[in-house]
Every structure is written in C-alpha cells, then in structure tokens.
C-alpha cells in the first residue's frame, strides 16, 4: 500500500532548506502551509526528491511540482512545464537521488499506472547555489517566490472550478 492519501491535487515541493537556492521548495511549502491550501489539495515536502515521490502519488487529477533547477538562461528565471515537456535525464543516474522528475513519472507509469496523475505541472526556478550548506537563497530566487505562488494559485483556481483561461493559462481536464 502506498503512503499517500487521495486528493484531487498534490503539490510536491522539492529541495533542502539548508543549501542555498535548493531552499526554494521548502520555502514555497512553508508559505503555502501558513496560508492554507483549499480542500482537495495535499501539500508535501520532499527533502530528498527522487523515488520518494512515487510512494506519495495516488492518481491525482493534478500534480504540481516545485523545485530549484539548473540550465536556464539566468538565476531567478521561472519555467513552467508539463510532464511530456520535461527533459530526459542525461546518462545513467549514480543514485536514486539523481533520477529526474520525468524518469520518476515514467517508472510510476510502468509499475503503478493507477498512481499516475492526470496532469503534471513542473514549476522550476533557475538557481545559482546548490552546494554551499548554510547559505541563504540568492536574491534572484527569492525574488521569484511571489511569481511561483501566483502560478500555483492560478492552477489551483483553474482546477478547482475557476475560469479555464486566466492570464493566458489554459487548463486541461
């Protein structure tokens, strides 16, 4: 039996609050927890990411994943992607922590198809510091936090009965 509890929407915040820009996920998790999430929305924090997400998936209508990332043009840039638009991992992972979100969802689809969310949205913010323990988030990533929260709220509004077209956001399902 998997450890998740059924809800319509799961918001999964990934990261480590003690390592610079990797604190984005825990920061968003804390802010959403303080403000509260609507009924039918489950909020989870994943400090280690990787395969741990599989056990929490319960076939939700929507999975929103928030994490700091590398590979965009500049620190603080926000990227919003659907599951099939996520890049494939490069090479063979050294540990399960090196497995990307796309690979986690593909493994879930192969092994536990009933747990696969109907729609997956990834919200990533380009970071600069992922190695220095005890350092705060960079100013650029901190400045992106309100935009990440607004993006999450728009998806929640859309999927919980709001308008399907909000500021150019098109929801499916």
C-alpha atoms as a PDB file:
ATOM      1  CA  UNK A   1       0.000   0.000   0.000  1.00  0.00           C
ATOM      2  CA  UNK A   2       1.405   3.374  -0.892  1.00  0.00           C
ATOM      3  CA  UNK A   3       1.718   6.091   1.728  1.00  0.00           C
ATOM      4  CA  UNK A   4      -0.238   8.858   0.046  1.00  0.00           C
ATOM      5  CA  UNK A   5      -3.785   9.946   0.793  1.00  0.00           C
ATOM      6  CA  UNK A   6      -6.203  10.511  -2.092  1.00  0.00           C
ATOM      7  CA  UNK A   7      -6.805  14.101  -3.071  1.00  0.00           C
ATOM      8  CA  UNK A   8      -7.620  15.829  -6.326  1.00  0.00           C
ATOM      9  CA  UNK A   9      -4.363  17.777  -6.358  1.00  0.00           C
ATOM     10  CA  UNK A  10      -0.897  17.154  -4.917  1.00  0.00           C
ATOM     11  CA  UNK A  11       1.632  19.968  -4.584  1.00  0.00           C
ATOM     12  CA  UNK A  12       5.096  18.437  -4.163  1.00  0.00           C
ATOM     13  CA  UNK A  13       7.807  20.854  -3.053  1.00  0.00           C
ATOM     14  CA  UNK A  14      11.337  19.500  -3.514  1.00  0.00           C
ATOM     15  CA  UNK A  15      14.567  20.738  -2.001  1.00  0.00           C
ATOM     16  CA  UNK A  16      16.781  21.233   1.017  1.00  0.00           C
ATOM     17  CA  UNK A  17      16.273  24.359   3.103  1.00  0.00           C
ATOM     18  CA  UNK A  18      19.902  24.289   4.267  1.00  0.00           C
ATOM     19  CA  UNK A  19      21.510  24.565   0.813  1.00  0.00           C
ATOM     20  CA  UNK A  20      21.215  27.962  -0.867  1.00  0.00           C
ATOM     21  CA  UNK A  21      18.791  28.035  -3.780  1.00  0.00           C
ATOM     22  CA  UNK A  22      17.688  24.453  -3.150  1.00  0.00           C
ATOM     23  CA  UNK A  23      15.605  26.000  -0.344  1.00  0.00           C
ATOM     24  CA  UNK A  24      13.021  27.153  -2.911  1.00  0.00           C
ATOM     25  CA  UNK A  25      10.799  24.073  -2.483  1.00  0.00           C
ATOM     26  CA  UNK A  26      10.796  24.169   1.334  1.00  0.00           C
ATOM     27  CA  UNK A  27      10.170  27.938   1.244  1.00  0.00           C
ATOM     28  CA  UNK A  28       7.130  27.527  -1.027  1.00  0.00           C
ATOM     29  CA  UNK A  29       5.914  24.619   1.131  1.00  0.00           C
ATOM     30  CA  UNK A  30       6.122  26.736   4.308  1.00  0.00           C
ATOM     31  CA  UNK A  31       4.328  29.695   2.721  1.00  0.00           C
ATOM     32  CA  UNK A  32       1.519  27.530   1.332  1.00  0.00           C
ATOM     33  CA  UNK A  33       1.178  25.724   4.657  1.00  0.00           C
ATOM     34  CA  UNK A  34       0.918  29.050   6.502  1.00  0.00           C
ATOM     35  CA  UNK A  35      -1.657  30.450   4.064  1.00  0.00           C
ATOM     36  CA  UNK A  36      -3.518  27.160   3.800  1.00  0.00           C
ATOM     37  CA  UNK A  37      -4.497  25.196   0.727  1.00  0.00           C
ATOM     38  CA  UNK A  38      -8.040  24.523  -0.456  1.00  0.00           C
ATOM     39  CA  UNK A  39      -9.906  21.329   0.359  1.00  0.00           C
ATOM     40  CA  UNK A  40      -8.889  18.546  -2.006  1.00  0.00           C
ATOM     41  CA  UNK A  41      -5.285  19.772  -2.174  1.00  0.00           C
ATOM     42  CA  UNK A  42      -2.482  17.878  -0.447  1.00  0.00           C
ATOM     43  CA  UNK A  43       0.824  19.607   0.239  1.00  0.00           C
ATOM     44  CA  UNK A  44       4.009  17.507   0.628  1.00  0.00           C
ATOM     45  CA  UNK A  45       7.672  18.379   1.191  1.00  0.00           C
ATOM     46  CA  UNK A  46      10.377  16.132  -0.264  1.00  0.00           C
ATOM     47  CA  UNK A  47      13.839  16.908   1.074  1.00  0.00           C
ATOM     48  CA  UNK A  48      15.452  14.078  -0.897  1.00  0.00           C
ATOM     49  CA  UNK A  49      13.326  14.031  -4.067  1.00  0.00           C
ATOM     50  CA  UNK A  50      13.997  11.112  -6.368  1.00  0.00           C
ATOM     51  CA  UNK A  51      11.997   7.954  -5.969  1.00  0.00           C
ATOM     52  CA  UNK A  52      10.329   9.067  -2.711  1.00  0.00           C
ATOM     53  CA  UNK A  53       7.638  10.803  -4.740  1.00  0.00           C
ATOM     54  CA  UNK A  54       6.327   7.503  -6.146  1.00  0.00           C
ATOM     55  CA  UNK A  55       5.027   6.359  -2.769  1.00  0.00           C
ATOM     56  CA  UNK A  56       3.016   9.576  -2.354  1.00  0.00           C
ATOM     57  CA  UNK A  57       1.288   9.511  -5.739  1.00  0.00           C
ATOM     58  CA  UNK A  58      -2.343   8.376  -5.661  1.00  0.00           C
ATOM     59  CA  UNK A  59      -3.642   9.062  -9.167  1.00  0.00           C
ATOM     60  CA  UNK A  60      -4.393  12.727  -8.500  1.00  0.00           C
ATOM     61  CA  UNK A  61      -6.035  14.813 -11.199  1.00  0.00           C
ATOM     62  CA  UNK A  62      -3.147  17.280 -10.952  1.00  0.00           C
ATOM     63  CA  UNK A  63       0.408  17.095  -9.623  1.00  0.00           C
ATOM     64  CA  UNK A  64       2.266  20.390  -9.218  1.00  0.00           C
ATOM     65  CA  UNK A  65       5.998  20.000  -8.559  1.00  0.00           C
ATOM     66  CA  UNK A  66       8.098  22.948  -7.349  1.00  0.00           C
ATOM     67  CA  UNK A  67      11.892  22.843  -7.358  1.00  0.00           C
ATOM     68  CA  UNK A  68      15.002  24.903  -7.989  1.00  0.00           C
ATOM     69  CA  UNK A  69      16.726  23.920 -11.231  1.00  0.00           C
ATOM     70  CA  UNK A  70      19.847  24.443 -13.327  1.00  0.00           C
ATOM     71  CA  UNK A  71      20.108  25.039 -17.046  1.00  0.00           C
ATOM     72  CA  UNK A  72      18.007  28.117 -17.836  1.00  0.00           C
ATOM     73  CA  UNK A  73      19.360  31.421 -19.051  1.00  0.00           C
ATOM     74  CA  UNK A  74      19.711  33.256 -15.722  1.00  0.00           C
ATOM     75  CA  UNK A  75      19.136  32.849 -11.962  1.00  0.00           C
ATOM     76  CA  UNK A  76      15.585  33.649 -10.926  1.00  0.00           C
ATOM     77  CA  UNK A  77      14.054  32.671 -14.271  1.00  0.00           C
ATOM     78  CA  UNK A  78      10.810  30.723 -13.776  1.00  0.00           C
ATOM     79  CA  UNK A  79       9.947  27.795 -16.040  1.00  0.00           C
ATOM     80  CA  UNK A  80       6.542  26.097 -16.153  1.00  0.00           C
ATOM     81  CA  UNK A  81       6.455  22.769 -17.995  1.00  0.00           C
ATOM     82  CA  UNK A  82       4.085  19.847 -18.463  1.00  0.00           C
ATOM     83  CA  UNK A  83       5.289  16.270 -17.863  1.00  0.00           C
ATOM     84  CA  UNK A  84       5.920  15.469 -21.522  1.00  0.00           C
ATOM     85  CA  UNK A  85       7.874  18.702 -21.978  1.00  0.00           C
ATOM     86  CA  UNK A  86      10.357  17.845 -19.219  1.00  0.00           C
ATOM     87  CA  UNK A  87      13.852  16.943 -20.416  1.00  0.00           C
ATOM     88  CA  UNK A  88      15.083  13.371 -20.152  1.00  0.00           C
ATOM     89  CA  UNK A  89      17.902  12.744 -17.700  1.00  0.00           C
ATOM     90  CA  UNK A  90      21.401  12.695 -19.120  1.00  0.00           C
ATOM     91  CA  UNK A  91      23.256   9.442 -18.774  1.00  0.00           C
ATOM     92  CA  UNK A  92      22.785   6.834 -16.088  1.00  0.00           C
ATOM     93  CA  UNK A  93      21.997   8.119 -12.582  1.00  0.00           C
ATOM     94  CA  UNK A  94      24.559   7.342  -9.905  1.00  0.00           C
ATOM     95  CA  UNK A  95      21.940   7.098  -7.131  1.00  0.00           C
ATOM     96  CA  UNK A  96      18.157   7.254  -6.896  1.00  0.00           C
ATOM     97  CA  UNK A  97      18.542  10.920  -5.916  1.00  0.00           C
ATOM     98  CA  UNK A  98      19.884  11.606  -9.406  1.00  0.00           C
ATOM     99  CA  UNK A  99      16.691  10.441 -11.096  1.00  0.00           C
ATOM    100  CA  UNK A 100      14.765  13.293 -12.669  1.00  0.00           C
ATOM    101  CA  UNK A 101      11.059  14.012 -12.353  1.00  0.00           C
ATOM    102  CA  UNK A 102      10.315  12.706 -15.837  1.00  0.00           C
ATOM    103  CA  UNK A 103      12.010   9.387 -15.024  1.00  0.00           C
ATOM    104  CA  UNK A 104      10.150   9.112 -11.708  1.00  0.00           C
ATOM    105  CA  UNK A 105       6.847   9.579 -13.544  1.00  0.00           C
ATOM    106  CA  UNK A 106       7.820   7.053 -16.227  1.00  0.00           C
ATOM    107  CA  UNK A 107       8.730   4.481 -13.551  1.00  0.00           C
ATOM    108  CA  UNK A 108       5.400   5.161 -11.841  1.00  0.00           C
ATOM    109  CA  UNK A 109       3.570   4.749 -15.145  1.00  0.00           C
ATOM    110  CA  UNK A 110       5.280   1.406 -15.794  1.00  0.00           C
ATOM    111  CA  UNK A 111       4.986  -0.070 -12.293  1.00  0.00           C
ATOM    112  CA  UNK A 112       1.934   1.620 -10.771  1.00  0.00           C
ATOM    113  CA  UNK A 113      -0.226   3.029 -13.588  1.00  0.00           C
ATOM    114  CA  UNK A 114      -3.115   3.715 -11.187  1.00  0.00           C
ATOM    115  CA  UNK A 115      -0.899   6.209  -9.301  1.00  0.00           C
ATOM    116  CA  UNK A 116      -0.033   8.372 -12.332  1.00  0.00           C
ATOM    117  CA  UNK A 117      -1.514  11.875 -12.055  1.00  0.00           C
ATOM    118  CA  UNK A 118      -3.870  13.026 -14.799  1.00  0.00           C
ATOM    119  CA  UNK A 119      -1.816  16.158 -15.389  1.00  0.00           C
ATOM    120  CA  UNK A 120       1.666  17.125 -14.196  1.00  0.00           C
ATOM    121  CA  UNK A 121       2.909  20.701 -13.992  1.00  0.00           C
ATOM    122  CA  UNK A 122       6.512  21.446 -13.066  1.00  0.00           C
ATOM    123  CA  UNK A 123       7.388  24.912 -11.772  1.00  0.00           C
ATOM    124  CA  UNK A 124      11.130  25.433 -11.664  1.00  0.00           C
ATOM    125  CA  UNK A 125      13.262  28.436 -10.784  1.00  0.00           C
ATOM    126  CA  UNK A 126      16.828  28.693 -12.023  1.00  0.00           C
ATOM    127  CA  UNK A 127      19.206  28.769  -9.099  1.00  0.00           C
ATOM    128  CA  UNK A 128      22.848  29.611  -8.719  1.00  0.00           C
ATOM    129  CA  UNK A 129      23.977  27.939  -5.468  1.00  0.00           C
ATOM    130  CA  UNK A 130      23.264  24.241  -4.871  1.00  0.00           C
ATOM    131  CA  UNK A 131      26.399  23.271  -2.961  1.00  0.00           C
ATOM    132  CA  UNK A 132      27.055  25.648  -0.061  1.00  0.00           C
ATOM    133  CA  UNK A 133      25.422  24.387   3.131  1.00  0.00           C
ATOM    134  CA  UNK A 134      24.128  27.099   5.441  1.00  0.00           C
ATOM    135  CA  UNK A 135      23.800  29.788   2.795  1.00  0.00           C
ATOM    136  CA  UNK A 136      20.502  31.566   2.090  1.00  0.00           C
ATOM    137  CA  UNK A 137      18.691  31.574  -1.236  1.00  0.00           C
ATOM    138  CA  UNK A 138      20.084  34.028  -3.749  1.00  0.00           C
ATOM    139  CA  UNK A 139      18.250  37.327  -4.178  1.00  0.00           C
ATOM    140  CA  UNK A 140      17.166  36.251  -7.680  1.00  0.00           C
ATOM    141  CA  UNK A 141      15.498  33.048  -6.493  1.00  0.00           C
ATOM    142  CA  UNK A 142      13.939  34.825  -3.506  1.00  0.00           C
ATOM    143  CA  UNK A 143      12.502  37.426  -5.900  1.00  0.00           C
ATOM    144  CA  UNK A 144      10.842  34.630  -7.923  1.00  0.00           C
ATOM    145  CA  UNK A 145       8.898  33.266  -4.916  1.00  0.00           C
ATOM    146  CA  UNK A 146       5.809  35.517  -5.409  1.00  0.00           C
ATOM    147  CA  UNK A 147       5.600  34.507  -9.077  1.00  0.00           C
ATOM    148  CA  UNK A 148       5.781  30.813  -8.145  1.00  0.00           C
ATOM    149  CA  UNK A 149       2.976  31.296  -5.596  1.00  0.00           C
ATOM    150  CA  UNK A 150       0.830  33.144  -8.160  1.00  0.00           C
ATOM    151  CA  UNK A 151       1.392  30.378 -10.709  1.00  0.00           C
ATOM    152  CA  UNK A 152       0.363  27.706  -8.207  1.00  0.00           C
ATOM    153  CA  UNK A 153      -2.757  29.686  -7.242  1.00  0.00           C
ATOM    154  CA  UNK A 154      -3.753  30.082 -10.901  1.00  0.00           C
ATOM    155  CA  UNK A 155      -3.517  26.334 -11.459  1.00  0.00           C
ATOM    156  CA  UNK A 156      -5.465  25.645  -8.267  1.00  0.00           C
ATOM    157  CA  UNK A 157      -8.165  28.154  -9.236  1.00  0.00           C
ATOM    158  CA  UNK A 158      -8.400  26.634 -12.679  1.00  0.00           C
ATOM    159  CA  UNK A 159      -8.637  23.036 -11.493  1.00  0.00           C
ATOM    160  CA  UNK A 160     -10.943  23.746  -8.574  1.00  0.00           C
ATOM    161  CA  UNK A 161     -13.645  25.438 -10.595  1.00  0.00           C
ATOM    162  CA  UNK A 162     -12.180  28.763 -11.648  1.00  0.00           C
ATOM    163  CA  UNK A 163     -12.019  30.098 -15.163  1.00  0.00           C
ATOM    164  CA  UNK A 164     -10.131  27.834 -17.600  1.00  0.00           C
ATOM    165  CA  UNK A 165      -8.460  30.893 -19.107  1.00  0.00           C
ATOM    166  CA  UNK A 166      -6.689  33.039 -16.563  1.00  0.00           C
ATOM    167  CA  UNK A 167      -3.986  35.380 -17.810  1.00  0.00           C
ATOM    168  CA  UNK A 168      -3.177  33.060 -20.702  1.00  0.00           C
ATOM    169  CA  UNK A 169      -3.164  29.892 -18.596  1.00  0.00           C
ATOM    170  CA  UNK A 170      -5.048  27.059 -20.250  1.00  0.00           C
ATOM    171  CA  UNK A 171      -6.025  24.147 -18.033  1.00  0.00           C
ATOM    172  CA  UNK A 172      -6.928  20.751 -19.366  1.00  0.00           C
ATOM    173  CA  UNK A 173      -9.304  18.339 -17.706  1.00  0.00           C
END
